[in-house]
Structures are given as structure tokens and as C-alpha cells.
Amino acid sequence: MSMTITYQVGNSLYLNITNRCSNNCSFCVRNKSDGVGSANNLWLDREPTVDEIMSAIQKRNLSRYQELVFCGYGEPMMRIMDIIEICKKVKPAHNIPIRINTNGQANLIFGRDITPLLEGYVDNISISLNASNKDSYQAMCKSVYGDIAFDALINFAIQSH
């Protein structure tokens, strides 16, 4: 069975690298549909290897896209070391901005500040804030980290700026 690793939304090339997520958001698109953009099914049988991700990227003409986005049907920062490895290979070969769509819980996931790892590799980070306080956030996003998730994502946004 083939996995959808790359897919297009607008003028961006998206990378689907995991289905794992530290949240179970009530509004998440994956609760309503199996796919997004040009992808019919973003559910992965298993996580693709870095080599498989690179192969999928190399099958695309990156000059056609405005940006490369780590997103997909899970929290991409679950695989931060693989993201960095991919960026190290893509950045020197292609002049394309790299963005990560994230819930901002990477520092919780890894138990340390991982934002320095992104410097020089990731151009933009889109953090899903989704609420104005920790109680509303937890009610809507149902993080495995509970009430500390909201403050952690605020701190992640500050550290990754």
C-alpha cells in the first residue's frame, strides 16, 4: 500500500510524516476527512523514513512551490530530529522557504527547549493557538499534557521567534 508523503495545498508542498499527535482537537480536520488538498488519504500505515521522505520530495519540482510545509495528519514536531535532517538536505539544494505547522508542544514532547535546533533550517513556524486561555485550550484541544500545554505553547512561540 502506498503512503501519501507529499501533497499540494495551494502553491505549497506539504509533508505528511506522522499521524501521532499530543492533542485530540475537537475541530481537527482528520476527524472529518481522510485527506486535504491534493491528497485523498493522509493516514499512514507507518511513519516514512527520512530516505522515503527525501525520495518523495525529489519526485517533485520544488521550483513550482512557494514553500515546503511540515504538516500532515499529525504533529510533525514529534519527529524533530528527522525534520532537521531533511532540512539539512533540502536547504543547500533548493531555494525554498521551509515552514512547520505545529501545536507548539515540542518542548513538552522532548522535555527540553528544542527551538535552537530549528535555527538556520526552518524559516517560519505556524503555531495553532486555538484559544485565549488554558481552560478553553484544554477543553477544545484535549492535550495529553493537560493544563500545562497552553503555557508551554506560548513559551514555545516566544522561544522560536
N, C-alpha and C. Protein backbone atom coordinates (compact mmCIF):
# COMPACT_ATOMS: atom_id res chain seq x y z
N MET A 1 0.84 -1.19 0.00
CA MET A 1 0.00 0.00 0.00
C MET A 1 0.88 1.24 0.00
N SER A 2 0.57 2.19 -0.84
CA SER A 2 1.40 3.40 -0.92
C SER A 2 0.93 4.43 0.10
N MET A 3 1.88 5.19 0.59
CA MET A 3 1.59 6.24 1.56
C MET A 3 1.67 7.58 0.86
N THR A 4 0.82 8.50 1.28
CA THR A 4 0.91 9.87 0.79
C THR A 4 1.84 10.64 1.72
N ILE A 5 3.03 10.94 1.20
CA ILE A 5 4.02 11.68 1.98
C ILE A 5 3.99 13.15 1.58
N THR A 6 3.90 13.43 0.27
CA THR A 6 3.82 14.82 -0.19
C THR A 6 2.46 15.06 -0.82
N TYR A 7 1.96 16.28 -0.63
CA TYR A 7 0.70 16.68 -1.26
C TYR A 7 0.68 18.19 -1.39
N GLN A 8 -0.14 18.67 -2.27
CA GLN A 8 -0.18 20.10 -2.56
C GLN A 8 -1.43 20.74 -1.99
N VAL A 9 -1.25 21.90 -1.36
CA VAL A 9 -2.35 22.75 -0.95
C VAL A 9 -1.98 24.14 -1.45
N GLY A 10 -2.79 24.69 -2.34
CA GLY A 10 -2.46 25.97 -2.94
C GLY A 10 -1.14 25.87 -3.66
N ASN A 11 -0.24 26.81 -3.39
CA ASN A 11 1.09 26.82 -4.02
C ASN A 11 2.17 26.25 -3.10
N SER A 12 1.76 25.47 -2.10
CA SER A 12 2.70 24.91 -1.14
C SER A 12 2.75 23.39 -1.26
N LEU A 13 3.95 22.84 -1.00
CA LEU A 13 4.12 21.39 -0.96
C LEU A 13 4.17 20.99 0.51
N TYR A 14 3.26 20.14 0.90
CA TYR A 14 3.14 19.70 2.28
C TYR A 14 3.77 18.31 2.46
N LEU A 15 4.33 18.09 3.66
CA LEU A 15 4.94 16.82 4.00
C LEU A 15 4.16 16.18 5.15
N ASN A 16 3.70 14.97 4.91
CA ASN A 16 2.94 14.19 5.88
C ASN A 16 3.89 13.14 6.45
N ILE A 17 4.41 13.38 7.68
CA ILE A 17 5.46 12.50 8.20
C ILE A 17 5.06 11.70 9.44
N THR A 18 3.91 12.01 10.03
CA THR A 18 3.44 11.25 11.20
C THR A 18 1.94 11.44 11.36
N ASN A 19 1.31 10.46 11.99
CA ASN A 19 -0.08 10.61 12.40
C ASN A 19 -0.19 10.78 13.92
N ARG A 20 0.96 10.72 14.61
CA ARG A 20 0.95 10.90 16.07
C ARG A 20 0.70 12.37 16.40
N CYS A 21 -0.04 12.61 17.48
CA CYS A 21 -0.27 13.98 17.93
C CYS A 21 -0.49 13.97 19.44
N SER A 22 -0.01 15.02 20.10
CA SER A 22 -0.20 15.16 21.55
C SER A 22 -1.55 15.78 21.89
N ASN A 23 -2.29 16.18 20.88
CA ASN A 23 -3.64 16.73 21.07
C ASN A 23 -4.66 15.81 20.42
N ASN A 24 -5.90 16.00 20.82
CA ASN A 24 -7.04 15.35 20.17
C ASN A 24 -8.11 16.43 19.98
N CYS A 25 -7.79 17.40 19.13
CA CYS A 25 -8.64 18.59 18.97
C CYS A 25 -10.02 18.23 18.41
N SER A 26 -11.03 18.84 19.00
CA SER A 26 -12.41 18.56 18.59
C SER A 26 -12.68 19.02 17.17
N PHE A 27 -11.93 19.99 16.69
CA PHE A 27 -12.15 20.57 15.36
C PHE A 27 -11.20 20.03 14.29
N CYS A 28 -10.33 19.11 14.65
CA CYS A 28 -9.28 18.65 13.73
C CYS A 28 -9.87 18.09 12.44
N VAL A 29 -9.28 18.48 11.32
CA VAL A 29 -9.74 18.05 10.00
C VAL A 29 -9.67 16.53 9.86
N ARG A 30 -8.75 15.90 10.55
CA ARG A 30 -8.62 14.45 10.41
C ARG A 30 -9.78 13.69 11.04
N ASN A 31 -10.59 14.38 11.86
CA ASN A 31 -11.80 13.77 12.42
C ASN A 31 -12.97 13.85 11.44
N LYS A 32 -12.79 14.62 10.37
CA LYS A 32 -13.88 14.84 9.43
C LYS A 32 -13.61 14.28 8.04
N SER A 33 -12.32 14.10 7.70
CA SER A 33 -11.94 13.70 6.35
C SER A 33 -10.66 12.90 6.38
N ASP A 34 -10.46 12.08 5.35
CA ASP A 34 -9.22 11.31 5.25
C ASP A 34 -8.11 12.07 4.53
N GLY A 35 -8.47 13.18 3.86
CA GLY A 35 -7.47 13.89 3.07
C GLY A 35 -7.68 15.39 3.05
N VAL A 36 -6.67 16.07 2.50
CA VAL A 36 -6.65 17.53 2.38
C VAL A 36 -5.95 17.87 1.08
N GLY A 37 -6.37 18.95 0.43
CA GLY A 37 -5.69 19.40 -0.78
C GLY A 37 -5.69 18.31 -1.84
N SER A 38 -4.53 18.03 -2.40
CA SER A 38 -4.42 17.04 -3.48
C SER A 38 -4.34 15.60 -2.94
N ALA A 39 -4.38 15.42 -1.62
CA ALA A 39 -4.24 14.09 -1.02
C ALA A 39 -5.60 13.53 -0.62
N ASN A 40 -5.91 12.35 -1.12
CA ASN A 40 -7.17 11.69 -0.77
C ASN A 40 -7.11 11.02 0.59
N ASN A 41 -5.91 10.53 0.96
CA ASN A 41 -5.79 9.80 2.22
C ASN A 41 -4.43 10.10 2.85
N LEU A 42 -4.46 10.76 4.01
CA LEU A 42 -3.22 11.10 4.71
C LEU A 42 -2.94 10.19 5.90
N TRP A 43 -3.75 9.16 6.08
CA TRP A 43 -3.46 8.21 7.15
C TRP A 43 -2.29 7.33 6.73
N LEU A 44 -1.29 7.26 7.59
CA LEU A 44 -0.08 6.50 7.30
C LEU A 44 -0.17 5.10 7.92
N ASP A 45 0.26 4.09 7.19
CA ASP A 45 0.37 2.74 7.75
C ASP A 45 1.50 2.68 8.77
N ARG A 46 2.52 3.51 8.52
CA ARG A 46 3.68 3.63 9.40
C ARG A 46 4.33 4.96 9.05
N GLU A 47 5.23 5.42 9.91
CA GLU A 47 5.93 6.67 9.61
C GLU A 47 6.97 6.42 8.53
N PRO A 48 6.99 7.26 7.50
CA PRO A 48 8.02 7.09 6.46
C PRO A 48 9.41 7.42 7.01
N THR A 49 10.40 6.75 6.47
CA THR A 49 11.78 7.02 6.86
C THR A 49 12.22 8.35 6.24
N VAL A 50 13.34 8.87 6.71
CA VAL A 50 13.90 10.09 6.12
C VAL A 50 14.19 9.86 4.64
N ASP A 51 14.73 8.71 4.31
CA ASP A 51 15.02 8.41 2.90
C ASP A 51 13.74 8.38 2.06
N GLU A 52 12.68 7.82 2.59
CA GLU A 52 11.40 7.80 1.87
C GLU A 52 10.84 9.21 1.70
N ILE A 53 10.99 10.03 2.71
CA ILE A 53 10.53 11.42 2.63
C ILE A 53 11.34 12.18 1.58
N MET A 54 12.66 12.01 1.62
CA MET A 54 13.53 12.67 0.63
C MET A 54 13.20 12.20 -0.78
N SER A 55 12.95 10.94 -0.96
CA SER A 55 12.59 10.40 -2.27
C SER A 55 11.29 11.02 -2.77
N ALA A 56 10.31 11.16 -1.88
CA ALA A 56 9.04 11.78 -2.25
C ALA A 56 9.23 13.25 -2.62
N ILE A 57 10.08 13.96 -1.89
CA ILE A 57 10.38 15.37 -2.20
C ILE A 57 11.07 15.47 -3.56
N GLN A 58 12.03 14.57 -3.82
CA GLN A 58 12.79 14.62 -5.06
C GLN A 58 11.95 14.29 -6.29
N LYS A 59 10.81 13.68 -6.10
CA LYS A 59 9.91 13.40 -7.22
C LYS A 59 9.12 14.65 -7.63
N ARG A 60 9.21 15.68 -6.82
CA ARG A 60 8.51 16.94 -7.09
C ARG A 60 9.48 17.98 -7.61
N ASN A 61 8.98 18.89 -8.41
CA ASN A 61 9.77 20.03 -8.88
C ASN A 61 9.56 21.16 -7.88
N LEU A 62 10.49 21.31 -6.94
CA LEU A 62 10.32 22.27 -5.86
C LEU A 62 10.23 23.71 -6.34
N SER A 63 10.73 24.00 -7.54
CA SER A 63 10.64 25.38 -8.05
C SER A 63 9.19 25.78 -8.33
N ARG A 64 8.28 24.82 -8.36
CA ARG A 64 6.86 25.10 -8.60
C ARG A 64 6.13 25.58 -7.35
N TYR A 65 6.78 25.46 -6.19
CA TYR A 65 6.10 25.73 -4.92
C TYR A 65 6.68 26.96 -4.22
N GLN A 66 5.81 27.65 -3.48
CA GLN A 66 6.25 28.83 -2.72
C GLN A 66 6.94 28.45 -1.42
N GLU A 67 6.59 27.27 -0.89
CA GLU A 67 7.18 26.83 0.38
C GLU A 67 7.01 25.33 0.54
N LEU A 68 7.82 24.78 1.44
CA LEU A 68 7.75 23.38 1.84
C LEU A 68 7.23 23.39 3.28
N VAL A 69 6.15 22.64 3.54
CA VAL A 69 5.49 22.71 4.85
C VAL A 69 5.41 21.34 5.50
N PHE A 70 5.97 21.22 6.71
CA PHE A 70 5.77 20.01 7.51
C PHE A 70 4.43 20.15 8.20
N CYS A 71 3.51 19.27 7.86
CA CYS A 71 2.16 19.35 8.43
C CYS A 71 1.57 17.95 8.47
N GLY A 72 0.64 17.64 7.61
CA GLY A 72 0.09 16.29 7.53
C GLY A 72 -0.99 16.02 8.55
N TYR A 73 -1.16 14.74 8.88
CA TYR A 73 -2.23 14.30 9.79
C TYR A 73 -1.70 13.95 11.17
N GLY A 74 -0.74 14.71 11.63
CA GLY A 74 -0.19 14.53 12.97
C GLY A 74 0.67 15.73 13.31
N GLU A 75 1.27 15.71 14.49
CA GLU A 75 2.15 16.78 14.94
C GLU A 75 3.56 16.51 14.42
N PRO A 76 3.99 17.26 13.40
CA PRO A 76 5.30 16.97 12.80
C PRO A 76 6.47 17.08 13.77
N MET A 77 6.33 17.92 14.79
CA MET A 77 7.45 18.09 15.73
C MET A 77 7.71 16.83 16.56
N MET A 78 6.83 15.85 16.48
CA MET A 78 7.12 14.56 17.11
C MET A 78 8.40 13.98 16.51
N ARG A 79 8.73 14.43 15.30
CA ARG A 79 9.91 13.91 14.58
C ARG A 79 10.93 15.03 14.33
N ILE A 80 11.21 15.82 15.33
CA ILE A 80 12.07 16.99 15.16
C ILE A 80 13.44 16.64 14.61
N MET A 81 14.05 15.57 15.05
CA MET A 81 15.39 15.24 14.56
C MET A 81 15.34 14.86 13.07
N ASP A 82 14.27 14.19 12.66
CA ASP A 82 14.11 13.86 11.24
C ASP A 82 13.82 15.12 10.42
N ILE A 83 13.06 16.05 10.98
CA ILE A 83 12.80 17.32 10.30
C ILE A 83 14.13 18.04 10.04
N ILE A 84 14.97 18.12 11.05
CA ILE A 84 16.26 18.80 10.91
C ILE A 84 17.11 18.10 9.85
N GLU A 85 17.12 16.77 9.87
CA GLU A 85 17.91 16.01 8.88
C GLU A 85 17.40 16.30 7.46
N ILE A 86 16.10 16.34 7.29
CA ILE A 86 15.51 16.65 5.98
C ILE A 86 15.86 18.08 5.55
N CYS A 87 15.74 19.01 6.47
CA CYS A 87 16.07 20.41 6.17
C CYS A 87 17.53 20.56 5.77
N LYS A 88 18.43 19.82 6.43
CA LYS A 88 19.85 19.88 6.10
C LYS A 88 20.11 19.42 4.67
N LYS A 89 19.27 18.53 4.16
CA LYS A 89 19.42 18.04 2.79
C LYS A 89 18.73 18.95 1.78
N VAL A 90 17.59 19.51 2.15
CA VAL A 90 16.81 20.33 1.22
C VAL A 90 17.39 21.73 1.07
N LYS A 91 17.76 22.36 2.18
CA LYS A 91 18.20 23.77 2.17
C LYS A 91 19.35 24.05 1.20
N PRO A 92 20.43 23.27 1.21
CA PRO A 92 21.53 23.59 0.30
C PRO A 92 21.18 23.37 -1.18
N ALA A 93 20.23 22.50 -1.44
CA ALA A 93 19.92 22.14 -2.83
C ALA A 93 18.80 22.97 -3.44
N HIS A 94 17.96 23.58 -2.60
CA HIS A 94 16.79 24.29 -3.11
C HIS A 94 16.57 25.59 -2.36
N ASN A 95 16.24 26.62 -3.10
CA ASN A 95 15.95 27.92 -2.50
C ASN A 95 14.45 27.99 -2.23
N ILE A 96 14.00 27.26 -1.21
CA ILE A 96 12.58 27.22 -0.89
C ILE A 96 12.41 27.44 0.61
N PRO A 97 11.52 28.35 1.00
CA PRO A 97 11.26 28.54 2.43
C PRO A 97 10.64 27.27 3.03
N ILE A 98 11.02 26.97 4.26
CA ILE A 98 10.50 25.81 4.97
C ILE A 98 9.71 26.30 6.18
N ARG A 99 8.50 25.73 6.31
CA ARG A 99 7.61 26.11 7.41
C ARG A 99 7.15 24.84 8.13
N ILE A 100 6.87 24.99 9.42
CA ILE A 100 6.30 23.90 10.20
C ILE A 100 4.95 24.38 10.75
N ASN A 101 3.91 23.58 10.53
CA ASN A 101 2.62 23.79 11.20
C ASN A 101 2.64 22.93 12.45
N THR A 102 2.46 23.54 13.62
CA THR A 102 2.64 22.82 14.87
C THR A 102 1.63 23.24 15.93
N ASN A 103 1.45 22.38 16.93
CA ASN A 103 0.62 22.76 18.08
C ASN A 103 1.47 23.45 19.14
N GLY A 104 2.75 23.59 18.92
CA GLY A 104 3.62 24.33 19.83
C GLY A 104 4.03 23.57 21.08
N GLN A 105 3.85 22.25 21.09
CA GLN A 105 4.17 21.47 22.28
C GLN A 105 5.49 20.71 22.18
N ALA A 106 6.32 21.07 21.22
CA ALA A 106 7.57 20.32 21.00
C ALA A 106 8.46 20.28 22.24
N ASN A 107 8.55 21.38 22.97
CA ASN A 107 9.41 21.39 24.16
C ASN A 107 8.87 20.45 25.24
N LEU A 108 7.55 20.31 25.32
CA LEU A 108 6.95 19.34 26.24
C LEU A 108 7.24 17.92 25.77
N ILE A 109 7.08 17.70 24.48
CA ILE A 109 7.28 16.37 23.90
C ILE A 109 8.70 15.88 24.18
N PHE A 110 9.69 16.77 24.06
CA PHE A 110 11.09 16.38 24.22
C PHE A 110 11.68 16.71 25.59
N GLY A 111 10.91 17.39 26.42
CA GLY A 111 11.39 17.69 27.77
C GLY A 111 12.54 18.67 27.82
N ARG A 112 12.70 19.45 26.76
CA ARG A 112 13.76 20.47 26.72
C ARG A 112 13.44 21.46 25.60
N ASP A 113 14.13 22.59 25.60
CA ASP A 113 13.95 23.61 24.57
C ASP A 113 14.62 23.14 23.27
N ILE A 114 13.81 22.82 22.28
CA ILE A 114 14.36 22.34 21.00
C ILE A 114 14.45 23.47 19.97
N THR A 115 14.01 24.67 20.32
CA THR A 115 13.98 25.75 19.33
C THR A 115 15.35 26.09 18.73
N PRO A 116 16.46 25.98 19.47
CA PRO A 116 17.75 26.26 18.84
C PRO A 116 18.06 25.32 17.67
N LEU A 117 17.51 24.13 17.68
CA LEU A 117 17.75 23.17 16.59
C LEU A 117 17.17 23.66 15.26
N LEU A 118 16.17 24.50 15.31
CA LEU A 118 15.47 24.96 14.11
C LEU A 118 16.21 26.09 13.39
N GLU A 119 17.07 26.78 14.12
CA GLU A 119 17.74 27.95 13.57
C GLU A 119 18.57 27.61 12.34
N GLY A 120 18.33 28.36 11.28
CA GLY A 120 19.05 28.18 10.04
C GLY A 120 18.42 27.15 9.11
N TYR A 121 17.42 26.43 9.61
CA TYR A 121 16.78 25.39 8.80
C TYR A 121 15.31 25.69 8.52
N VAL A 122 14.60 26.18 9.53
CA VAL A 122 13.17 26.45 9.41
C VAL A 122 12.96 27.95 9.33
N ASP A 123 12.28 28.39 8.27
CA ASP A 123 12.07 29.82 8.05
C ASP A 123 10.86 30.37 8.78
N ASN A 124 9.81 29.58 8.89
CA ASN A 124 8.57 30.03 9.52
C ASN A 124 7.95 28.91 10.32
N ILE A 125 7.31 29.30 11.43
CA ILE A 125 6.58 28.34 12.25
C ILE A 125 5.18 28.88 12.43
N SER A 126 4.19 28.06 12.09
CA SER A 126 2.79 28.41 12.31
C SER A 126 2.29 27.60 13.50
N ILE A 127 1.96 28.29 14.59
CA ILE A 127 1.51 27.62 15.80
C ILE A 127 0.00 27.79 15.93
N SER A 128 -0.69 26.68 16.12
CA SER A 128 -2.14 26.70 16.30
C SER A 128 -2.45 27.06 17.75
N LEU A 129 -2.83 28.31 17.99
CA LEU A 129 -3.13 28.78 19.34
C LEU A 129 -4.51 28.28 19.78
N ASN A 130 -5.52 28.48 18.95
CA ASN A 130 -6.86 27.93 19.11
C ASN A 130 -7.68 28.42 20.30
N ALA A 131 -7.10 29.07 21.28
CA ALA A 131 -7.86 29.54 22.44
C ALA A 131 -7.08 30.65 23.13
N SER A 132 -7.77 31.39 23.99
CA SER A 132 -7.13 32.54 24.65
C SER A 132 -6.68 32.24 26.08
N ASN A 133 -7.00 31.05 26.59
CA ASN A 133 -6.56 30.69 27.94
C ASN A 133 -6.46 29.16 28.06
N LYS A 134 -5.80 28.72 29.13
CA LYS A 134 -5.51 27.29 29.26
C LYS A 134 -6.77 26.43 29.41
N ASP A 135 -7.80 26.94 30.09
CA ASP A 135 -9.01 26.15 30.27
C ASP A 135 -9.73 25.93 28.95
N SER A 136 -9.88 26.99 28.17
CA SER A 136 -10.53 26.88 26.85
C SER A 136 -9.69 26.01 25.92
N TYR A 137 -8.37 26.20 25.98
CA TYR A 137 -7.47 25.41 25.13
C TYR A 137 -7.62 23.92 25.43
N GLN A 138 -7.57 23.56 26.70
CA GLN A 138 -7.64 22.15 27.07
C GLN A 138 -9.01 21.57 26.73
N ALA A 139 -10.08 22.33 26.91
CA ALA A 139 -11.42 21.85 26.59
C ALA A 139 -11.54 21.54 25.10
N MET A 140 -10.90 22.37 24.28
CA MET A 140 -11.01 22.24 22.82
C MET A 140 -9.96 21.27 22.25
N CYS A 141 -8.73 21.34 22.76
CA CYS A 141 -7.61 20.61 22.15
C CYS A 141 -7.27 19.30 22.86
N LYS A 142 -7.70 19.14 24.07
CA LYS A 142 -7.52 17.87 24.81
C LYS A 142 -6.09 17.35 24.73
N SER A 143 -5.13 18.17 25.14
CA SER A 143 -3.73 17.77 25.11
C SER A 143 -3.45 16.68 26.14
N VAL A 144 -2.57 15.75 25.78
CA VAL A 144 -2.14 14.73 26.74
C VAL A 144 -1.38 15.36 27.90
N TYR A 145 -0.92 16.61 27.73
CA TYR A 145 -0.18 17.31 28.77
C TYR A 145 -1.08 18.10 29.70
N GLY A 146 -2.38 18.10 29.44
CA GLY A 146 -3.32 18.79 30.32
C GLY A 146 -3.12 20.29 30.34
N ASP A 147 -3.32 20.87 31.52
CA ASP A 147 -3.32 22.33 31.66
C ASP A 147 -1.99 23.01 31.35
N ILE A 148 -0.89 22.29 31.38
CA ILE A 148 0.40 22.94 31.12
C ILE A 148 0.65 23.16 29.62
N ALA A 149 -0.16 22.54 28.77
CA ALA A 149 0.06 22.64 27.32
C ALA A 149 -0.06 24.07 26.81
N PHE A 150 -1.03 24.80 27.28
CA PHE A 150 -1.25 26.17 26.79
C PHE A 150 -0.04 27.06 27.10
N ASP A 151 0.40 27.08 28.35
CA ASP A 151 1.57 27.90 28.71
C ASP A 151 2.81 27.45 27.95
N ALA A 152 2.94 26.16 27.74
CA ALA A 152 4.09 25.63 27.01
C ALA A 152 4.10 26.12 25.57
N LEU A 153 2.93 26.16 24.93
CA LEU A 153 2.91 26.63 23.54
C LEU A 153 3.19 28.13 23.46
N ILE A 154 2.74 28.89 24.44
CA ILE A 154 3.06 30.33 24.49
C ILE A 154 4.58 30.50 24.64
N ASN A 155 5.19 29.73 25.53
CA ASN A 155 6.64 29.81 25.72
C ASN A 155 7.38 29.36 24.46
N PHE A 156 6.87 28.33 23.78
CA PHE A 156 7.48 27.87 22.54
C PHE A 156 7.44 28.98 21.49
N ALA A 157 6.32 29.67 21.41
CA ALA A 157 6.19 30.78 20.44
C ALA A 157 7.21 31.87 20.74
N ILE A 158 7.42 32.18 21.98
CA ILE A 158 8.40 33.21 22.38
C ILE A 158 9.82 32.72 22.05
N GLN A 159 10.13 31.48 22.39
CA GLN A 159 11.47 30.95 22.17
C GLN A 159 11.81 30.77 20.70
N SER A 160 10.80 30.48 19.89
CA SER A 160 11.07 30.22 18.48
C SER A 160 10.99 31.49 17.63
N HIS A 161 10.76 32.61 18.24
CA HIS A 161 10.63 33.87 17.50
C HIS A 161 11.96 34.36 16.98
